[in-house]
Amino acid sequence: MIRLRSESFVDHTLPPGRPQGPAGPAAASKAFLAAVPDLKVVVSQQILAGDRVVFHLRFTGHFTGQFKNTKGIGQPVDFIATDILSVQGDRITDNWHLEDNLTFLRQIGLMPRRALRPALPPFASLAPMRGDSQSAVSPVDLSERSTSIAGRR
């Protein structure tokens, strides 16, 4: 895979600790395959636009290897990623990528499966100021304001 990248390859969303250039994706692939040796990658969508190629990817497998300081016990892994590549001639020159790392970390047990407390609806935390209902702060209705602002454009 490294031979498909230009020597001047740039990762525009480089995570901390990953080397820039062609060595970066190679190091990331090696580390991830050590964690999920049976990794399968499916291209769900591919979009070509000018010198750009966009891949929507789905990664599946089992966490049986090592990730950072955690040893896998066979947890299933199933998450998505999107890569935007710039291609010049037959070489990848640039990459912008986004992986669903939160899902992956939850699946392997490094993050809680759900929020520690339920999410509150907007303004739910605004309680009465003095303990009586007359001093309660009410949510603001922005519907009229939004309409009038939109109408000015």
N, C-alpha and C. Protein backbone atom coordinates (compact mmCIF):
# COMPACT_ATOMS: atom_id res chain seq x y z
N MET A 1 0.82 -1.20 0.00
CA MET A 1 0.00 0.00 0.00
C MET A 1 0.86 1.27 0.00
N ILE A 2 1.99 1.23 0.67
CA ILE A 2 2.85 2.40 0.76
C ILE A 2 3.34 2.86 -0.62
N ARG A 3 3.50 1.93 -1.57
CA ARG A 3 3.99 2.31 -2.90
C ARG A 3 2.95 3.10 -3.69
N LEU A 4 1.70 3.11 -3.25
CA LEU A 4 0.67 3.89 -3.94
C LEU A 4 0.69 5.35 -3.51
N ARG A 5 1.39 5.64 -2.42
CA ARG A 5 1.43 7.00 -1.90
C ARG A 5 2.65 7.73 -2.44
N SER A 6 2.45 9.00 -2.70
CA SER A 6 3.54 9.85 -3.13
C SER A 6 4.53 10.01 -1.97
N GLU A 7 5.80 10.24 -2.30
CA GLU A 7 6.79 10.51 -1.25
C GLU A 7 6.46 11.79 -0.50
N SER A 8 5.68 12.68 -1.14
CA SER A 8 5.28 13.92 -0.48
C SER A 8 3.87 13.81 0.13
N PHE A 9 3.40 12.57 0.34
CA PHE A 9 2.07 12.32 0.92
C PHE A 9 1.89 13.09 2.22
N VAL A 10 0.70 13.73 2.37
CA VAL A 10 0.39 14.50 3.58
C VAL A 10 -0.91 13.98 4.17
N ASP A 11 -0.87 13.65 5.46
CA ASP A 11 -2.07 13.28 6.22
C ASP A 11 -2.54 14.54 6.92
N HIS A 12 -3.67 15.10 6.47
CA HIS A 12 -4.17 16.37 7.01
C HIS A 12 -4.90 16.22 8.33
N THR A 13 -5.18 14.99 8.75
CA THR A 13 -5.83 14.73 10.05
C THR A 13 -4.97 13.77 10.85
N LEU A 14 -3.70 14.08 10.91
CA LEU A 14 -2.70 13.22 11.55
C LEU A 14 -2.93 13.14 13.06
N PRO A 15 -3.14 11.92 13.59
CA PRO A 15 -3.29 11.78 15.04
C PRO A 15 -1.95 11.96 15.74
N PRO A 16 -1.97 12.36 17.01
CA PRO A 16 -0.71 12.50 17.75
C PRO A 16 0.08 11.19 17.76
N GLY A 17 1.37 11.29 17.56
CA GLY A 17 2.23 10.12 17.62
C GLY A 17 2.41 9.38 16.30
N ARG A 18 1.61 9.68 15.30
CA ARG A 18 1.74 9.00 14.00
C ARG A 18 2.68 9.81 13.12
N PRO A 19 3.63 9.13 12.47
CA PRO A 19 4.55 9.87 11.60
C PRO A 19 3.84 10.41 10.36
N GLN A 20 4.28 11.59 9.92
CA GLN A 20 3.75 12.18 8.69
C GLN A 20 4.40 11.46 7.51
N GLY A 21 3.78 11.54 6.35
CA GLY A 21 4.33 10.92 5.15
C GLY A 21 3.83 9.50 4.97
N PRO A 22 4.38 8.80 3.99
CA PRO A 22 3.93 7.44 3.67
C PRO A 22 4.06 6.46 4.83
N ALA A 23 4.99 6.69 5.74
CA ALA A 23 5.19 5.77 6.88
C ALA A 23 4.00 5.80 7.85
N GLY A 24 3.26 6.89 7.90
CA GLY A 24 2.14 7.02 8.85
C GLY A 24 1.04 5.99 8.65
N PRO A 25 0.46 5.90 7.45
CA PRO A 25 -0.58 4.89 7.23
C PRO A 25 -0.06 3.46 7.41
N ALA A 26 1.20 3.23 7.04
CA ALA A 26 1.77 1.89 7.21
C ALA A 26 1.86 1.53 8.69
N ALA A 27 2.30 2.47 9.52
CA ALA A 27 2.39 2.24 10.96
C ALA A 27 1.01 2.02 11.57
N ALA A 28 0.03 2.82 11.13
CA ALA A 28 -1.34 2.69 11.66
C ALA A 28 -1.92 1.33 11.28
N SER A 29 -1.72 0.90 10.04
CA SER A 29 -2.24 -0.40 9.60
C SER A 29 -1.61 -1.53 10.38
N LYS A 30 -0.31 -1.47 10.58
CA LYS A 30 0.40 -2.51 11.33
C LYS A 30 -0.12 -2.60 12.77
N ALA A 31 -0.29 -1.45 13.42
CA ALA A 31 -0.77 -1.43 14.81
C ALA A 31 -2.21 -1.94 14.89
N PHE A 32 -3.05 -1.55 13.93
CA PHE A 32 -4.45 -1.97 14.00
C PHE A 32 -4.59 -3.46 13.70
N LEU A 33 -3.80 -3.96 12.76
CA LEU A 33 -3.84 -5.40 12.46
C LEU A 33 -3.32 -6.23 13.63
N ALA A 34 -2.43 -5.66 14.44
CA ALA A 34 -1.97 -6.36 15.65
C ALA A 34 -3.10 -6.47 16.67
N ALA A 35 -4.00 -5.50 16.68
CA ALA A 35 -5.14 -5.51 17.61
C ALA A 35 -6.29 -6.36 17.08
N VAL A 36 -6.53 -6.29 15.77
CA VAL A 36 -7.66 -6.99 15.14
C VAL A 36 -7.10 -7.78 13.94
N PRO A 37 -6.49 -8.94 14.21
CA PRO A 37 -5.83 -9.69 13.14
C PRO A 37 -6.76 -10.17 12.03
N ASP A 38 -8.04 -10.38 12.33
CA ASP A 38 -8.98 -10.85 11.29
C ASP A 38 -9.74 -9.70 10.65
N LEU A 39 -9.15 -8.52 10.66
CA LEU A 39 -9.80 -7.31 10.15
C LEU A 39 -10.28 -7.48 8.72
N LYS A 40 -11.51 -7.06 8.48
CA LYS A 40 -12.07 -7.02 7.13
C LYS A 40 -12.51 -5.57 6.89
N VAL A 41 -12.24 -5.07 5.69
CA VAL A 41 -12.63 -3.72 5.32
C VAL A 41 -13.49 -3.80 4.07
N VAL A 42 -14.67 -3.21 4.14
CA VAL A 42 -15.59 -3.19 3.00
C VAL A 42 -15.77 -1.73 2.59
N VAL A 43 -15.62 -1.47 1.29
CA VAL A 43 -15.90 -0.14 0.76
C VAL A 43 -17.41 -0.06 0.54
N SER A 44 -18.10 0.69 1.40
CA SER A 44 -19.55 0.83 1.29
C SER A 44 -19.95 1.79 0.19
N GLN A 45 -19.14 2.85 0.03
CA GLN A 45 -19.41 3.84 -1.01
C GLN A 45 -18.07 4.35 -1.52
N GLN A 46 -18.06 4.72 -2.79
CA GLN A 46 -16.88 5.35 -3.38
C GLN A 46 -17.37 6.46 -4.29
N ILE A 47 -16.83 7.65 -4.10
CA ILE A 47 -17.24 8.80 -4.90
C ILE A 47 -16.00 9.40 -5.54
N LEU A 48 -16.04 9.59 -6.86
CA LEU A 48 -14.96 10.23 -7.59
C LEU A 48 -15.39 11.63 -7.99
N ALA A 49 -14.55 12.62 -7.69
CA ALA A 49 -14.86 14.00 -8.04
C ALA A 49 -13.55 14.73 -8.33
N GLY A 50 -13.28 14.98 -9.59
CA GLY A 50 -12.03 15.64 -9.95
C GLY A 50 -10.84 14.79 -9.54
N ASP A 51 -9.93 15.38 -8.77
CA ASP A 51 -8.76 14.63 -8.30
C ASP A 51 -8.99 14.01 -6.93
N ARG A 52 -10.26 13.97 -6.48
CA ARG A 52 -10.59 13.43 -5.16
C ARG A 52 -11.32 12.09 -5.29
N VAL A 53 -11.02 11.20 -4.33
CA VAL A 53 -11.73 9.95 -4.19
C VAL A 53 -12.16 9.86 -2.74
N VAL A 54 -13.45 9.64 -2.52
CA VAL A 54 -13.98 9.52 -1.17
C VAL A 54 -14.41 8.07 -0.95
N PHE A 55 -13.92 7.49 0.14
CA PHE A 55 -14.28 6.13 0.51
C PHE A 55 -15.04 6.15 1.82
N HIS A 56 -16.20 5.51 1.85
CA HIS A 56 -16.91 5.24 3.10
C HIS A 56 -16.65 3.77 3.40
N LEU A 57 -15.97 3.50 4.51
CA LEU A 57 -15.48 2.16 4.82
C LEU A 57 -16.16 1.58 6.05
N ARG A 58 -16.28 0.27 6.08
CA ARG A 58 -16.79 -0.44 7.26
C ARG A 58 -15.75 -1.47 7.68
N PHE A 59 -15.30 -1.36 8.93
CA PHE A 59 -14.29 -2.26 9.48
C PHE A 59 -14.97 -3.25 10.42
N THR A 60 -14.67 -4.54 10.25
CA THR A 60 -15.21 -5.57 11.14
C THR A 60 -14.10 -6.56 11.48
N GLY A 61 -14.28 -7.22 12.59
CA GLY A 61 -13.32 -8.23 13.03
C GLY A 61 -13.49 -8.51 14.50
N HIS A 62 -12.44 -9.04 15.11
CA HIS A 62 -12.48 -9.38 16.54
C HIS A 62 -11.20 -8.90 17.21
N PHE A 63 -11.37 -8.27 18.35
CA PHE A 63 -10.24 -7.75 19.11
C PHE A 63 -9.61 -8.89 19.90
N THR A 64 -8.63 -9.54 19.28
CA THR A 64 -7.94 -10.66 19.93
C THR A 64 -6.47 -10.34 20.18
N GLY A 65 -6.01 -9.22 19.69
CA GLY A 65 -4.62 -8.82 19.86
C GLY A 65 -4.45 -7.81 20.97
N GLN A 66 -3.50 -6.91 20.77
CA GLN A 66 -3.15 -5.88 21.76
C GLN A 66 -3.41 -4.51 21.17
N PHE A 67 -4.08 -3.61 21.94
CA PHE A 67 -4.26 -2.22 21.56
C PHE A 67 -3.84 -1.37 22.73
N LYS A 68 -2.78 -0.58 22.54
CA LYS A 68 -2.16 0.17 23.62
C LYS A 68 -1.82 -0.81 24.74
N ASN A 69 -2.38 -0.65 25.93
CA ASN A 69 -2.07 -1.55 27.04
C ASN A 69 -3.17 -2.57 27.30
N THR A 70 -4.06 -2.77 26.35
CA THR A 70 -5.21 -3.65 26.55
C THR A 70 -5.11 -4.87 25.65
N LYS A 71 -5.32 -6.02 26.22
CA LYS A 71 -5.33 -7.29 25.47
C LYS A 71 -6.77 -7.65 25.17
N GLY A 72 -7.05 -7.97 23.91
CA GLY A 72 -8.40 -8.34 23.51
C GLY A 72 -8.77 -9.74 23.97
N ILE A 73 -10.08 -9.95 24.10
CA ILE A 73 -10.61 -11.27 24.47
C ILE A 73 -11.63 -11.75 23.44
N GLY A 74 -11.50 -11.23 22.23
CA GLY A 74 -12.39 -11.66 21.16
C GLY A 74 -13.61 -10.77 20.95
N GLN A 75 -13.60 -9.56 21.52
CA GLN A 75 -14.75 -8.67 21.34
C GLN A 75 -14.95 -8.36 19.86
N PRO A 76 -16.22 -8.41 19.40
CA PRO A 76 -16.48 -8.04 18.01
C PRO A 76 -16.24 -6.54 17.80
N VAL A 77 -15.71 -6.21 16.64
CA VAL A 77 -15.42 -4.83 16.25
C VAL A 77 -16.20 -4.56 14.97
N ASP A 78 -16.91 -3.42 14.95
CA ASP A 78 -17.71 -3.05 13.78
C ASP A 78 -17.90 -1.54 13.83
N PHE A 79 -17.14 -0.81 13.00
CA PHE A 79 -17.25 0.64 12.99
C PHE A 79 -16.97 1.16 11.58
N ILE A 80 -17.23 2.44 11.37
CA ILE A 80 -17.09 3.04 10.04
C ILE A 80 -15.97 4.09 10.02
N ALA A 81 -15.56 4.44 8.81
CA ALA A 81 -14.58 5.51 8.60
C ALA A 81 -14.82 6.11 7.22
N THR A 82 -14.34 7.32 7.05
CA THR A 82 -14.41 7.99 5.75
C THR A 82 -13.04 8.56 5.44
N ASP A 83 -12.58 8.31 4.24
CA ASP A 83 -11.31 8.85 3.76
C ASP A 83 -11.56 9.69 2.52
N ILE A 84 -10.94 10.85 2.46
CA ILE A 84 -10.95 11.68 1.25
C ILE A 84 -9.50 11.74 0.78
N LEU A 85 -9.26 11.22 -0.40
CA LEU A 85 -7.91 11.16 -0.95
C LEU A 85 -7.78 12.11 -2.13
N SER A 86 -6.63 12.75 -2.24
CA SER A 86 -6.29 13.52 -3.43
C SER A 86 -5.31 12.67 -4.21
N VAL A 87 -5.57 12.50 -5.51
CA VAL A 87 -4.75 11.64 -6.35
C VAL A 87 -4.17 12.47 -7.49
N GLN A 88 -2.86 12.37 -7.66
CA GLN A 88 -2.16 13.02 -8.77
C GLN A 88 -1.47 11.92 -9.56
N GLY A 89 -1.87 11.73 -10.81
CA GLY A 89 -1.32 10.63 -11.60
C GLY A 89 -1.76 9.31 -10.99
N ASP A 90 -0.82 8.47 -10.61
CA ASP A 90 -1.16 7.19 -9.99
C ASP A 90 -0.77 7.15 -8.51
N ARG A 91 -0.63 8.34 -7.89
CA ARG A 91 -0.18 8.41 -6.50
C ARG A 91 -1.15 9.19 -5.62
N ILE A 92 -1.33 8.71 -4.41
CA ILE A 92 -2.13 9.43 -3.40
C ILE A 92 -1.22 10.47 -2.79
N THR A 93 -1.63 11.74 -2.88
CA THR A 93 -0.80 12.83 -2.36
C THR A 93 -1.28 13.36 -1.02
N ASP A 94 -2.59 13.27 -0.77
CA ASP A 94 -3.16 13.83 0.46
C ASP A 94 -4.29 12.93 0.96
N ASN A 95 -4.51 12.98 2.28
CA ASN A 95 -5.60 12.22 2.89
C ASN A 95 -6.20 13.03 4.03
N TRP A 96 -7.53 13.06 4.06
CA TRP A 96 -8.30 13.58 5.18
C TRP A 96 -9.17 12.42 5.61
N HIS A 97 -9.15 12.05 6.88
CA HIS A 97 -9.88 10.87 7.31
C HIS A 97 -10.57 11.11 8.64
N LEU A 98 -11.63 10.34 8.85
CA LEU A 98 -12.39 10.40 10.09
C LEU A 98 -12.85 8.98 10.40
N GLU A 99 -12.42 8.47 11.54
CA GLU A 99 -12.82 7.13 11.98
C GLU A 99 -13.76 7.27 13.16
N ASP A 100 -14.67 6.33 13.30
CA ASP A 100 -15.57 6.31 14.46
C ASP A 100 -14.83 5.65 15.63
N ASN A 101 -13.84 6.36 16.15
CA ASN A 101 -13.01 5.83 17.23
C ASN A 101 -13.79 5.60 18.51
N LEU A 102 -14.81 6.41 18.78
CA LEU A 102 -15.60 6.23 20.00
C LEU A 102 -16.27 4.86 20.00
N THR A 103 -16.87 4.48 18.87
CA THR A 103 -17.50 3.16 18.77
C THR A 103 -16.47 2.07 18.97
N PHE A 104 -15.33 2.18 18.31
CA PHE A 104 -14.27 1.18 18.45
C PHE A 104 -13.83 1.05 19.91
N LEU A 105 -13.56 2.18 20.56
CA LEU A 105 -13.09 2.14 21.96
C LEU A 105 -14.15 1.57 22.89
N ARG A 106 -15.42 1.84 22.61
CA ARG A 106 -16.50 1.24 23.42
C ARG A 106 -16.55 -0.27 23.20
N GLN A 107 -16.39 -0.70 21.96
CA GLN A 107 -16.48 -2.13 21.65
C GLN A 107 -15.36 -2.93 22.30
N ILE A 108 -14.18 -2.34 22.45
CA ILE A 108 -13.07 -3.08 23.04
C ILE A 108 -12.94 -2.84 24.55
N GLY A 109 -13.89 -2.06 25.11
CA GLY A 109 -13.93 -1.89 26.56
C GLY A 109 -13.08 -0.77 27.12
N LEU A 110 -12.56 0.13 26.28
CA LEU A 110 -11.76 1.24 26.79
C LEU A 110 -12.58 2.49 27.08
N MET A 111 -13.84 2.50 26.69
CA MET A 111 -14.78 3.59 26.99
C MET A 111 -16.10 2.96 27.41
N PRO A 112 -16.86 3.66 28.27
CA PRO A 112 -18.17 3.13 28.65
C PRO A 112 -19.06 2.97 27.42
N ARG A 113 -19.92 1.96 27.45
CA ARG A 113 -20.81 1.70 26.30
C ARG A 113 -21.81 2.83 26.07
N ARG A 114 -22.20 3.52 27.12
CA ARG A 114 -23.12 4.66 26.96
C ARG A 114 -22.73 5.75 27.93
N ALA A 115 -23.38 6.88 27.80
CA ALA A 115 -23.07 8.02 28.66
C ALA A 115 -23.25 7.62 30.13
N LEU A 116 -22.43 8.22 30.98
CA LEU A 116 -22.51 7.91 32.40
C LEU A 116 -23.82 8.38 33.01
N ARG A 117 -24.40 9.44 32.47
CA ARG A 117 -25.73 9.89 32.89
C ARG A 117 -26.52 10.22 31.65
N PRO A 118 -27.81 10.06 31.70
CA PRO A 118 -28.62 10.33 30.49
C PRO A 118 -28.48 11.78 30.06
N ALA A 119 -28.49 11.98 28.76
CA ALA A 119 -28.45 13.34 28.22
C ALA A 119 -29.72 14.08 28.60
N LEU A 120 -29.57 15.35 28.94
CA LEU A 120 -30.72 16.17 29.32
C LEU A 120 -31.23 16.93 28.11
N PRO A 121 -32.54 17.10 28.02
CA PRO A 121 -33.07 17.92 26.92
C PRO A 121 -32.61 19.37 27.11
N PRO A 122 -32.60 20.17 26.05
CA PRO A 122 -32.17 21.56 26.17
C PRO A 122 -32.94 22.27 27.28
N PHE A 123 -32.26 23.07 28.07
CA PHE A 123 -32.80 23.90 29.14
C PHE A 123 -33.30 23.09 30.33
N ALA A 124 -33.15 21.78 30.35
CA ALA A 124 -33.64 20.97 31.47
C ALA A 124 -32.90 21.28 32.75
N SER A 125 -31.66 21.76 32.64
CA SER A 125 -30.89 22.03 33.84
C SER A 125 -31.20 23.40 34.43
N LEU A 126 -32.02 24.19 33.75
CA LEU A 126 -32.38 25.51 34.28
C LEU A 126 -33.49 25.33 35.32
N ALA A 127 -33.13 25.44 36.57
CA ALA A 127 -34.06 25.20 37.67
C ALA A 127 -34.52 26.54 38.24
N PRO A 128 -35.59 26.53 39.04
CA PRO A 128 -36.01 27.77 39.70
C PRO A 128 -34.86 28.35 40.50
N MET A 129 -34.73 29.68 40.46
CA MET A 129 -33.61 30.33 41.13
C MET A 129 -33.79 30.39 42.64
N ARG A 130 -35.01 30.61 43.12
CA ARG A 130 -35.24 30.73 44.56
C ARG A 130 -36.07 29.57 45.08
N GLY A 131 -36.31 28.57 44.27
CA GLY A 131 -37.08 27.44 44.73
C GLY A 131 -38.57 27.57 44.49
N ASP A 132 -39.04 28.69 43.93
CA ASP A 132 -40.46 28.81 43.62
C ASP A 132 -40.66 28.91 42.11
N SER A 133 -41.84 28.60 41.66
CA SER A 133 -42.10 28.54 40.23
C SER A 133 -42.09 29.92 39.56
N GLN A 134 -42.32 31.02 40.32
CA GLN A 134 -42.32 32.34 39.69
C GLN A 134 -40.93 32.76 39.20
N SER A 135 -39.87 32.25 39.81
CA SER A 135 -38.55 32.70 39.42
C SER A 135 -37.86 31.74 38.46
N ALA A 136 -38.57 30.74 37.98
CA ALA A 136 -37.95 29.76 37.08
C ALA A 136 -37.58 30.42 35.76
N VAL A 137 -36.48 30.03 35.24
CA VAL A 137 -36.04 30.53 33.94
C VAL A 137 -36.71 29.68 32.88
N SER A 138 -37.32 30.32 31.88
CA SER A 138 -38.01 29.59 30.82
C SER A 138 -37.17 29.58 29.56
N PRO A 139 -37.29 28.52 28.78
CA PRO A 139 -36.61 28.50 27.48
C PRO A 139 -37.14 29.62 26.60
N VAL A 140 -36.30 30.16 25.76
CA VAL A 140 -36.68 31.23 24.85
C VAL A 140 -37.22 30.61 23.58
N ASP A 141 -38.34 31.15 23.08
CA ASP A 141 -38.90 30.68 21.81
C ASP A 141 -38.23 31.48 20.70
N LEU A 142 -37.39 30.82 19.94
CA LEU A 142 -36.65 31.49 18.87
C LEU A 142 -37.31 31.36 17.51
N SER A 143 -38.48 30.74 17.46
CA SER A 143 -39.10 30.49 16.16
C SER A 143 -39.41 31.78 15.41
N GLU A 144 -39.97 32.81 16.11
CA GLU A 144 -40.26 34.06 15.42
C GLU A 144 -38.97 34.76 15.02
N ARG A 145 -38.01 34.77 15.92
CA ARG A 145 -36.75 35.43 15.64
C ARG A 145 -36.04 34.76 14.46
N SER A 146 -36.04 33.44 14.43
CA SER A 146 -35.39 32.72 13.33
C SER A 146 -36.05 33.06 12.01
N THR A 147 -37.37 33.14 12.02
CA THR A 147 -38.11 33.45 10.80
C THR A 147 -37.76 34.86 10.34
N SER A 148 -37.72 35.83 11.27
CA SER A 148 -37.44 37.20 10.88
C SER A 148 -36.00 37.36 10.40
N ILE A 149 -35.07 36.64 11.02
CA ILE A 149 -33.68 36.72 10.58
C ILE A 149 -33.55 36.10 9.20
N ALA A 150 -34.19 34.95 8.99
CA ALA A 150 -34.13 34.28 7.69
C ALA A 150 -34.77 35.14 6.61
N GLY A 151 -35.82 35.90 6.98
CA GLY A 151 -36.52 36.74 6.01
C GLY A 151 -35.70 37.92 5.53
N ARG A 152 -34.68 38.31 6.30
CA ARG A 152 -33.86 39.46 5.93
C ARG A 152 -32.81 39.15 4.89
N ARG A 153 -32.53 37.90 4.64
CA ARG A 153 -31.44 37.53 3.71
C ARG A 153 -31.75 37.87 2.30
